[in-house]
Amino acid sequence: MSEVNVGSGSFCPGANRRGVASPPAFLDAADLLDAREEIAAGATGSGVLLTADGGRYTGTLFGAKAHGEGELVFTTGMMGYQESLTDPSFAGQVLTFTYPLIGNYGIHKGASESGAVWPRGVVVRHAMTQPDHRFSVGTVDELLRSHGVPGIENIDTRSITKRVRELGTVLCVFGPEEDEALLRTRLQTLTSPDLEDLVDEVSIDEPVLLNPGALDDLDRPLPRLGALDCGIKFNILRNLCEHFEVVWCPPHTSFETLAKTYEIDALFCSNGPGDPAHPGKATAARQTLAAAVRANMPVMGICLGHQLMGLASGLQTYKMRYGHRGANQPVVDLVTGRVSITSQNHGFAVADPDAGMLAAHPSGACSPPGENLHGAQIKVRYVNANDRTVEGLDLVDQPSFTVQFHPEACPGPHDAAPLFKRFRDVVDAHLGGGA
């Protein structure tokens, strides 16, 4: 699991909140650049990237001196490379950026989405060595080196993207060209990161109250929210702290503990990496979600949290051909007809109750048929305008809903940002005895 590092770091979501006296602070991934003299020397020279389906690409190494390996995926955002590199949902993957120039504006304090760099390798067309921004504290190369993550540039990222779009995500390895024989051997034994408990890898160990004593504008205590960390992004925690007193919790925290020990008024489940049907910490979070719904407690889920609610509702989840990763995914609200442009990062989806598994991966990987663990009826609220995959669920006659996309996107489209206010309104209505 990741370390919380309370008291050291520049991420402090409870700072400057009404009623909060001494909020805890946490490590931001960019904080490691303060000790630049301690960063190890980086990789150089010719490199080679090999894919499990026989692909071979040559380039130049940068970042940490290590072999990169994992599931090869791509993201289409033209900005936000620091946020992507520090997004825990990329754990286990080798991340390819389709935009050709990565690192133009450098690395910034406070722009990370966690305290670490999570991809197991990074592929770019060109890694900028001289960023141009007054707030930059380092380069992408320095960030990767400080976190021990390898990279390869001068790669034909357009060819890689077309390959993944046509064949689906594939396993890959990369490293020095002179190690090609060793890399080929490793590729033959490499297994999918979906088999690992990636949620356990990226989540915190102990609960932390982020903004103790938080008050609203009328000096009334904010409702207390339990936030299950399956790989939560920092900007989600910032948004939640605007509306709630937030207890940041490990994913396997039981509902009984949350309700009795922490006396929460509502529950939230975050984004995260890997297969939502994995029997590890993701399944524990699924059971907590189901228990909260059975107790008629307001619940919201984002990304992996949405998938876990789908499983808890008796729906199947499945691996997508190449997933949705980028800041330009159009989503249709089936209730209002409104289309929102959203930021997304996921390789699995919830099967549509009627249409089944849309845009599925050629491997056919999916969860087994399950049962409804909470007893409530569900309906599809949001769908993707491109491939019609499920993008959100409402629980009928329950104060609960989920979305596959990321309303807190930063940078990115803010069309869906009001969903946090929608959840707060749901919680207020529930606490006030409303429908």
Protein backbone atom coordinates (compact mmCIF):
# COMPACT_ATOMS: atom_id res chain seq x y z
CA MET A 1 0.00 0.00 0.00
CA SER A 2 1.02 3.63 -0.45
CA GLU A 3 2.23 5.61 2.53
CA VAL A 4 0.06 8.44 3.83
CA ASN A 5 2.98 10.65 4.95
CA VAL A 6 0.82 12.75 7.27
CA GLY A 7 2.44 16.06 8.15
CA SER A 8 4.96 16.16 5.29
CA GLY A 9 4.09 17.44 1.85
CA SER A 10 2.26 20.08 -0.12
CA PHE A 11 -1.13 18.36 -0.53
CA CYS A 12 -3.51 19.60 2.15
CA PRO A 13 -7.16 19.39 1.03
CA GLY A 14 -8.42 20.62 4.40
CA ALA A 15 -6.44 23.88 4.28
CA ASN A 16 -8.33 27.18 4.31
CA ARG A 17 -11.63 25.45 5.08
CA ARG A 18 -14.06 27.14 7.43
CA GLY A 19 -13.80 25.70 10.93
CA VAL A 20 -10.70 23.59 10.23
CA ALA A 21 -7.79 24.44 12.53
CA SER A 22 -4.95 21.99 11.81
CA PRO A 23 -5.60 19.79 8.75
CA PRO A 24 -3.10 17.06 7.88
CA ALA A 25 -0.79 17.42 4.88
CA PHE A 26 0.41 14.71 2.50
CA LEU A 27 3.19 14.06 0.02
CA ASP A 28 2.69 15.37 -3.52
CA ALA A 29 4.62 13.49 -6.22
CA ALA A 30 6.39 16.71 -7.21
CA ASP A 31 7.73 17.22 -3.68
CA LEU A 32 10.53 14.75 -4.39
CA LEU A 33 12.02 17.26 -6.85
CA ASP A 34 12.98 19.46 -3.89
CA ALA A 35 15.87 17.04 -3.28
CA ARG A 36 17.08 17.18 -6.88
CA GLU A 37 20.66 16.44 -5.87
CA GLU A 38 19.54 13.04 -4.56
CA ILE A 39 17.81 11.96 -7.79
CA ALA A 40 19.65 9.08 -9.46
CA ALA A 41 21.17 9.49 -12.91
CA GLY A 42 18.76 8.71 -15.72
CA ALA A 43 18.69 6.20 -18.54
CA THR A 44 20.22 7.12 -21.89
CA GLY A 45 20.95 5.48 -25.22
CA SER A 46 18.97 3.40 -27.67
CA GLY A 47 15.95 1.50 -26.43
CA VAL A 48 13.48 -1.03 -27.79
CA LEU A 49 9.81 -1.64 -27.00
CA LEU A 50 8.34 -5.09 -27.68
CA THR A 51 4.66 -6.03 -27.64
CA ALA A 52 3.19 -9.46 -26.98
CA ASP A 53 1.62 -9.56 -30.45
CA GLY A 54 5.02 -9.26 -32.17
CA GLY A 55 5.43 -5.50 -32.42
CA ARG A 56 8.89 -3.91 -32.19
CA TYR A 57 9.62 -0.19 -31.83
CA THR A 58 12.95 1.57 -31.33
CA GLY A 59 13.56 4.82 -29.50
CA THR A 60 15.69 6.61 -26.91
CA LEU A 61 15.58 5.89 -23.18
CA PHE A 62 14.94 8.49 -20.48
CA GLY A 63 13.63 8.45 -16.92
CA ALA A 64 14.88 5.82 -14.48
CA LYS A 65 17.39 3.10 -15.35
CA ALA A 66 14.98 0.17 -15.35
CA HIS A 67 12.98 -2.09 -17.64
CA GLY A 68 9.41 -1.01 -18.27
CA GLU A 69 6.68 -3.65 -18.43
CA GLY A 70 2.91 -3.86 -18.20
CA GLU A 71 -0.25 -3.38 -20.22
CA LEU A 72 0.27 -0.96 -23.12
CA VAL A 73 -2.43 1.74 -23.17
CA PHE A 74 -2.76 5.24 -24.60
CA THR A 75 -4.28 8.52 -23.44
CA THR A 76 -5.40 11.30 -25.77
CA GLY A 77 -5.17 14.41 -23.58
CA MET A 78 -3.22 17.37 -24.97
CA MET A 79 -2.59 18.63 -21.43
CA GLY A 80 -2.45 17.13 -17.97
CA TYR A 81 0.53 14.80 -18.39
CA GLN A 82 1.52 15.32 -14.73
CA GLU A 83 -1.98 14.43 -13.59
CA SER A 84 -1.95 11.30 -15.77
CA LEU A 85 1.48 10.19 -14.56
CA THR A 86 0.33 10.47 -10.93
CA ASP A 87 -3.15 8.98 -11.44
CA PRO A 88 -3.32 5.68 -9.48
CA SER A 89 -5.70 4.29 -12.11
CA PHE A 90 -2.65 3.84 -14.39
CA ALA A 91 -0.99 1.42 -11.95
CA GLY A 92 0.25 -1.70 -13.76
CA GLN A 93 0.26 -0.07 -17.18
CA VAL A 94 2.74 1.32 -19.68
CA LEU A 95 1.29 4.69 -20.62
CA THR A 96 1.58 6.08 -24.16
CA PHE A 97 0.79 9.76 -24.77
CA THR A 98 -0.71 10.45 -28.18
CA TYR A 99 0.12 14.17 -27.99
CA PRO A 100 3.68 14.45 -29.37
CA LEU A 101 5.25 17.01 -26.99
CA ILE A 102 5.17 16.01 -23.33
CA GLY A 103 6.62 18.26 -20.64
CA ASN A 104 6.19 21.67 -22.33
CA TYR A 105 5.18 23.47 -19.12
CA GLY A 106 7.21 21.29 -16.74
CA ILE A 107 6.17 19.80 -13.40
CA HIS A 108 4.24 21.88 -10.86
CA LYS A 109 3.71 21.64 -7.12
CA GLY A 110 0.07 20.94 -6.36
CA ALA A 111 -0.77 19.53 -9.80
CA SER A 112 -0.22 15.86 -8.95
CA GLU A 113 -3.10 13.47 -8.35
CA SER A 114 -1.18 11.41 -5.75
CA GLY A 115 2.15 11.11 -4.02
CA ALA A 116 3.69 8.79 -6.63
CA VAL A 117 4.08 8.07 -10.34
CA TRP A 118 2.00 4.97 -11.07
CA PRO A 119 2.56 3.76 -14.68
CA ARG A 120 5.29 1.10 -14.87
CA GLY A 121 6.65 2.77 -17.97
CA VAL A 122 6.05 5.88 -20.08
CA VAL A 123 6.12 6.17 -23.89
CA VAL A 124 6.25 9.57 -25.64
CA ARG A 125 7.17 11.00 -29.00
CA HIS A 126 9.29 13.72 -27.43
CA ALA A 127 10.06 14.50 -23.78
CA MET A 128 10.77 18.22 -23.39
CA THR A 129 14.01 18.95 -21.54
CA GLN A 130 13.57 22.72 -21.19
CA PRO A 131 10.03 23.42 -19.96
CA ASP A 132 8.73 26.97 -20.22
CA HIS A 133 6.64 28.01 -17.21
CA ARG A 134 7.39 30.25 -14.25
CA PHE A 135 5.96 27.73 -11.76
CA SER A 136 7.83 24.68 -13.09
CA VAL A 137 9.98 22.85 -10.54
CA GLY A 138 11.41 20.20 -12.88
CA THR A 139 11.08 18.11 -16.02
CA VAL A 140 9.15 14.95 -16.80
CA ASP A 141 12.47 13.12 -16.93
CA GLU A 142 13.34 14.27 -13.40
CA LEU A 143 9.89 13.32 -12.11
CA LEU A 144 10.21 9.81 -13.55
CA ARG A 145 13.74 9.40 -12.19
CA SER A 146 12.72 10.58 -8.71
CA HIS A 147 10.05 7.85 -8.62
CA GLY A 148 12.06 5.09 -10.32
CA VAL A 149 9.90 4.90 -13.46
CA PRO A 150 11.50 4.30 -16.90
CA GLY A 151 10.55 6.07 -20.11
CA ILE A 152 11.23 5.80 -23.83
CA GLU A 153 10.92 8.62 -26.39
CA ASN A 154 11.42 9.13 -30.13
CA ILE A 155 8.89 6.32 -30.52
CA ASP A 156 6.27 6.17 -33.26
CA THR A 157 3.38 6.75 -30.86
CA ARG A 158 0.92 7.09 -33.75
CA SER A 159 1.71 3.53 -34.85
CA ILE A 160 1.40 2.24 -31.30
CA THR A 161 -1.99 3.94 -30.86
CA LYS A 162 -3.32 2.48 -34.11
CA ARG A 163 -2.07 -0.96 -33.07
CA VAL A 164 -3.83 -0.79 -29.70
CA ARG A 165 -7.04 0.55 -31.27
CA GLU A 166 -7.13 -2.30 -33.77
CA LEU A 167 -5.93 -5.21 -31.65
CA GLY A 168 -6.85 -4.10 -28.13
CA THR A 169 -4.53 -3.43 -25.20
CA VAL A 170 -1.50 -5.74 -25.17
CA LEU A 171 1.34 -6.57 -22.78
CA CYS A 172 4.71 -4.99 -23.52
CA VAL A 173 8.25 -4.53 -22.25
CA PHE A 174 10.95 -1.97 -23.04
CA GLY A 175 14.54 -1.25 -22.11
CA PRO A 176 18.06 -0.89 -23.56
CA GLU A 177 18.39 -2.27 -27.08
CA GLU A 178 21.32 -4.45 -25.98
CA ASP A 179 18.93 -6.19 -23.56
CA GLU A 180 16.51 -7.22 -26.31
CA ALA A 181 17.03 -10.95 -25.83
CA LEU A 182 16.39 -10.61 -22.10
CA LEU A 183 13.32 -8.45 -22.78
CA ARG A 184 11.89 -11.07 -25.15
CA THR A 185 12.31 -13.73 -22.50
CA ARG A 186 10.61 -11.55 -19.93
CA LEU A 187 7.74 -10.82 -22.33
CA GLN A 188 7.03 -14.54 -22.69
CA THR A 189 6.48 -14.89 -18.93
CA LEU A 190 4.77 -11.55 -18.32
CA THR A 191 1.23 -11.81 -16.90
CA SER A 192 -1.58 -9.28 -16.99
CA PRO A 193 -1.57 -6.69 -14.18
CA ASP A 194 -5.31 -7.35 -13.92
CA LEU A 195 -4.38 -10.50 -11.99
CA GLU A 196 -2.74 -8.39 -9.27
CA ASP A 197 -4.48 -6.65 -6.38
CA LEU A 198 -3.66 -3.20 -7.75
CA VAL A 199 -6.18 -1.52 -5.44
CA ASP A 200 -4.16 -2.76 -2.47
CA GLU A 201 -1.02 -1.34 -4.09
CA VAL A 202 -2.36 2.21 -4.49
CA SER A 203 -4.58 2.74 -1.43
CA ILE A 204 -3.82 4.09 2.06
CA ASP A 205 -3.31 1.95 5.16
CA GLU A 206 -5.17 3.85 7.87
CA PRO A 207 -8.18 6.20 7.96
CA VAL A 208 -7.44 9.94 8.13
CA LEU A 209 -9.83 12.82 8.85
CA LEU A 210 -8.92 15.43 6.23
CA ASN A 211 -10.79 18.52 7.45
CA PRO A 212 -11.79 18.05 11.10
CA GLY A 213 -14.45 20.45 12.29
CA ALA A 214 -15.36 21.69 8.79
CA LEU A 215 -18.30 24.13 8.74
CA ASP A 216 -20.57 25.55 6.05
CA ASP A 217 -21.07 29.28 5.41
CA LEU A 218 -23.60 29.43 8.25
CA ASP A 219 -21.16 27.80 10.70
CA ARG A 220 -23.05 24.51 10.71
CA PRO A 221 -21.05 21.24 10.73
CA LEU A 222 -20.70 19.69 7.29
CA PRO A 223 -22.09 16.15 6.85
CA ARG A 224 -19.41 13.51 7.47
CA LEU A 225 -18.43 11.42 4.44
CA GLY A 226 -16.50 8.18 4.34
CA ALA A 227 -14.33 8.13 1.18
CA LEU A 228 -13.21 4.61 0.25
CA ASP A 229 -9.77 4.89 -1.35
CA CYS A 230 -9.41 2.44 -4.24
CA GLY A 231 -6.81 4.73 -5.83
CA ILE A 232 -8.41 8.10 -5.20
CA LYS A 233 -7.19 11.21 -7.01
CA PHE A 234 -6.19 14.24 -4.97
CA ASN A 235 -8.60 16.52 -6.82
CA ILE A 236 -11.51 14.27 -5.88
CA LEU A 237 -10.57 14.74 -2.22
CA ARG A 238 -10.38 18.51 -2.75
CA ASN A 239 -13.88 18.55 -4.23
CA LEU A 240 -15.29 16.34 -1.49
CA CYS A 241 -13.80 18.58 1.20
CA GLU A 242 -15.79 21.50 -0.20
CA HIS A 243 -19.04 19.74 0.64
CA PHE A 244 -18.27 17.31 3.47
CA GLU A 245 -16.12 16.55 6.48
CA VAL A 246 -14.14 13.75 4.85
CA VAL A 247 -12.75 10.56 6.40
CA TRP A 248 -10.22 9.17 3.87
CA CYS A 249 -10.44 5.38 4.34
CA PRO A 250 -8.73 2.19 3.12
CA PRO A 251 -10.87 0.27 0.62
CA HIS A 252 -11.45 -2.70 2.92
CA THR A 253 -12.94 -0.59 5.74
CA SER A 254 -16.18 -2.27 6.77
CA PHE A 255 -19.50 -0.46 6.74
CA GLU A 256 -19.94 -1.25 10.43
CA THR A 257 -16.67 0.52 11.24
CA LEU A 258 -17.60 3.53 9.11
CA ALA A 259 -21.08 3.80 10.62
CA LYS A 260 -20.24 3.14 14.29
CA THR A 261 -16.65 4.28 14.73
CA TYR A 262 -16.60 7.23 12.33
CA GLU A 263 -20.34 7.99 12.38
CA ILE A 264 -20.49 8.85 8.68
CA ASP A 265 -23.60 10.33 7.05
CA ALA A 266 -22.76 9.23 3.51
CA LEU A 267 -20.33 7.03 1.59
CA PHE A 268 -18.18 7.64 -1.48
CA CYS A 269 -16.13 5.13 -3.51
CA SER A 270 -13.28 6.33 -5.69
CA ASN A 271 -11.61 5.58 -8.98
CA GLY A 272 -8.81 3.02 -9.10
CA PRO A 273 -6.86 0.54 -11.22
CA GLY A 274 -7.34 -3.03 -12.34
CA ASP A 275 -10.15 -5.52 -12.62
CA PRO A 276 -13.19 -4.53 -10.50
CA ALA A 277 -13.98 -8.23 -10.02
CA HIS A 278 -10.57 -8.98 -8.44
CA PRO A 279 -11.11 -10.93 -5.20
CA GLY A 280 -8.89 -8.61 -3.16
CA LYS A 281 -9.50 -5.11 -1.80
CA ALA A 282 -11.89 -4.22 -4.65
CA THR A 283 -14.28 -6.95 -3.55
CA ALA A 284 -14.09 -5.71 0.06
CA ALA A 285 -15.08 -2.22 -1.12
CA ARG A 286 -17.95 -3.73 -3.13
CA GLN A 287 -19.32 -5.36 0.02
CA THR A 288 -19.09 -2.07 1.93
CA LEU A 289 -21.01 -0.30 -0.83
CA ALA A 290 -23.75 -2.96 -0.79
CA ALA A 291 -24.06 -2.70 3.00
CA ALA A 292 -24.41 1.09 2.79
CA VAL A 293 -27.22 0.79 0.22
CA ARG A 294 -28.99 -1.80 2.38
CA ALA A 295 -28.81 0.69 5.25
CA ASN A 296 -30.40 3.36 3.01
CA MET A 297 -27.30 5.56 3.26
CA PRO A 298 -26.47 8.01 0.43
CA VAL A 299 -23.72 6.59 -1.82
CA MET A 300 -21.76 8.00 -4.76
CA GLY A 301 -19.21 6.14 -6.86
CA ILE A 302 -16.76 7.35 -9.52
CA CYS A 303 -15.02 5.14 -12.11
CA LEU A 304 -13.98 1.96 -10.26
CA GLY A 305 -16.54 2.87 -7.60
CA HIS A 306 -19.17 2.86 -10.34
CA GLN A 307 -18.02 -0.57 -11.55
CA LEU A 308 -18.08 -1.97 -8.01
CA MET A 309 -21.65 -0.73 -7.58
CA GLY A 310 -22.52 -2.41 -10.87
CA LEU A 311 -21.15 -5.71 -9.55
CA ALA A 312 -22.98 -5.21 -6.25
CA SER A 313 -26.17 -4.72 -8.30
CA GLY A 314 -25.80 -8.08 -10.04
CA LEU A 315 -24.41 -6.71 -13.33
CA GLN A 316 -21.27 -8.05 -14.97
CA THR A 317 -18.10 -6.09 -15.68
CA TYR A 318 -15.80 -6.73 -18.62
CA LYS A 319 -12.51 -5.65 -20.15
CA MET A 320 -12.84 -3.09 -22.94
CA ARG A 321 -11.01 -3.25 -26.24
CA TYR A 322 -8.81 -0.25 -25.44
CA GLY A 323 -10.79 1.60 -22.79
CA HIS A 324 -11.56 5.29 -22.45
CA ARG A 325 -8.51 7.39 -21.55
CA GLY A 326 -8.56 11.09 -22.30
CA ALA A 327 -10.39 14.36 -21.70
CA ASN A 328 -12.84 14.34 -24.62
CA GLN A 329 -15.36 11.53 -23.99
CA PRO A 330 -18.97 12.57 -24.76
CA VAL A 331 -21.57 11.28 -22.30
CA VAL A 332 -25.36 11.44 -22.69
CA ASP A 333 -27.66 11.91 -19.68
CA LEU A 334 -30.66 9.74 -20.59
CA VAL A 335 -32.92 11.69 -18.22
CA THR A 336 -32.21 15.23 -19.42
CA GLY A 337 -30.77 14.52 -22.87
CA ARG A 338 -27.78 16.73 -22.04
CA VAL A 339 -24.39 15.79 -23.51
CA SER A 340 -21.30 16.42 -21.37
CA ILE A 341 -17.68 16.23 -22.46
CA THR A 342 -15.85 14.28 -19.77
CA SER A 343 -12.44 13.11 -18.64
CA GLN A 344 -12.07 9.34 -18.26
CA ASN A 345 -9.48 6.70 -17.46
CA HIS A 346 -10.70 3.11 -17.37
CA GLY A 347 -10.15 -0.20 -19.12
CA PHE A 348 -13.19 -2.05 -17.73
CA ALA A 349 -16.90 -1.27 -18.03
CA VAL A 350 -20.25 -2.31 -16.59
CA ALA A 351 -22.29 -4.46 -18.97
CA ASP A 352 -25.52 -2.87 -20.16
CA PRO A 353 -28.52 -4.70 -18.64
CA ASP A 354 -30.10 -4.99 -22.10
CA ALA A 355 -27.33 -4.60 -24.72
CA GLY A 356 -24.68 -6.56 -22.83
CA MET A 357 -20.91 -6.07 -23.25
CA LEU A 358 -20.24 -3.31 -25.77
CA ALA A 359 -16.76 -2.50 -27.18
CA ALA A 360 -15.37 -5.61 -25.47
CA HIS A 361 -11.74 -6.73 -25.57
CA PRO A 362 -10.94 -9.65 -27.93
CA SER A 363 -9.87 -11.72 -24.91
CA GLY A 364 -13.48 -11.81 -23.69
CA ALA A 365 -12.34 -11.19 -20.11
CA CYS A 366 -15.32 -10.52 -17.84
CA SER A 367 -16.68 -11.18 -14.38
CA PRO A 368 -18.90 -14.22 -13.76
CA PRO A 369 -22.66 -13.66 -13.43
CA GLY A 370 -23.43 -12.33 -9.95
CA GLU A 371 -26.29 -11.51 -7.63
CA ASN A 372 -27.75 -8.27 -6.41
CA LEU A 373 -26.20 -7.74 -2.97
CA HIS A 374 -28.27 -4.75 -1.88
CA GLY A 375 -31.75 -5.52 -3.23
CA ALA A 376 -32.36 -2.15 -4.89
CA GLN A 377 -33.36 -1.77 -8.52
CA ILE A 378 -30.91 0.03 -10.80
CA LYS A 379 -31.29 1.92 -14.05
CA VAL A 380 -28.75 3.21 -16.55
CA ARG A 381 -28.57 7.02 -16.30
CA TYR A 382 -25.59 7.86 -18.55
CA VAL A 383 -24.18 6.28 -21.74
CA ASN A 384 -21.15 7.04 -23.90
CA ALA A 385 -22.17 8.84 -27.10
CA ASN A 386 -19.48 7.04 -29.12
CA ASP A 387 -19.89 3.37 -28.22
CA ARG A 388 -23.06 3.45 -26.02
CA THR A 389 -21.27 1.83 -23.08
CA VAL A 390 -22.70 2.39 -19.60
CA GLU A 391 -21.40 5.61 -18.02
CA GLY A 392 -23.54 5.88 -14.89
CA LEU A 393 -26.22 4.23 -12.76
CA ASP A 394 -29.05 5.49 -10.56
CA LEU A 395 -30.45 3.31 -7.78
CA VAL A 396 -34.22 3.48 -7.91
CA ASP A 397 -35.82 4.85 -4.70
CA GLN A 398 -32.38 5.08 -3.09
CA PRO A 399 -30.19 8.17 -2.42
CA SER A 400 -27.37 6.70 -4.49
CA PHE A 401 -25.83 7.08 -7.95
CA THR A 402 -22.57 6.37 -9.79
CA VAL A 403 -20.68 7.72 -12.81
CA GLN A 404 -17.90 6.15 -14.87
CA PHE A 405 -16.31 9.50 -15.76
CA HIS A 406 -14.36 11.97 -13.60
CA PRO A 407 -16.36 15.10 -12.63
CA GLU A 408 -13.33 16.62 -10.86
CA ALA A 409 -11.11 16.64 -14.01
CA CYS A 410 -8.21 19.06 -13.65
CA PRO A 411 -7.16 20.05 -16.20
CA GLY A 412 -10.05 18.92 -18.32
CA PRO A 413 -13.70 19.58 -19.10
CA HIS A 414 -15.79 20.73 -16.14
CA ASP A 415 -19.19 19.87 -17.64
CA ALA A 416 -19.80 17.21 -14.98
CA ALA A 417 -18.43 19.13 -11.96
CA PRO A 418 -21.96 19.86 -10.61
CA LEU A 419 -22.32 16.15 -9.77
CA PHE A 420 -20.54 16.77 -6.45
CA LYS A 421 -23.18 19.41 -5.64
CA ARG A 422 -25.86 16.94 -6.74
CA PHE A 423 -24.53 14.41 -4.24
CA ARG A 424 -24.45 17.00 -1.45
CA ASP A 425 -28.07 17.89 -2.24
CA VAL A 426 -28.97 14.18 -2.09
CA VAL A 427 -27.27 13.87 1.31
CA ASP A 428 -28.96 17.02 2.68
CA ALA A 429 -32.36 15.79 1.51
CA HIS A 430 -31.76 12.40 3.08
CA LEU A 431 -30.62 13.85 6.41
CA GLY A 432 -33.59 16.21 6.36
CA GLY A 433 -36.03 13.39 5.79
CA GLY A 434 -36.72 14.32 2.15
CA ALA A 435 -37.13 12.01 -0.83
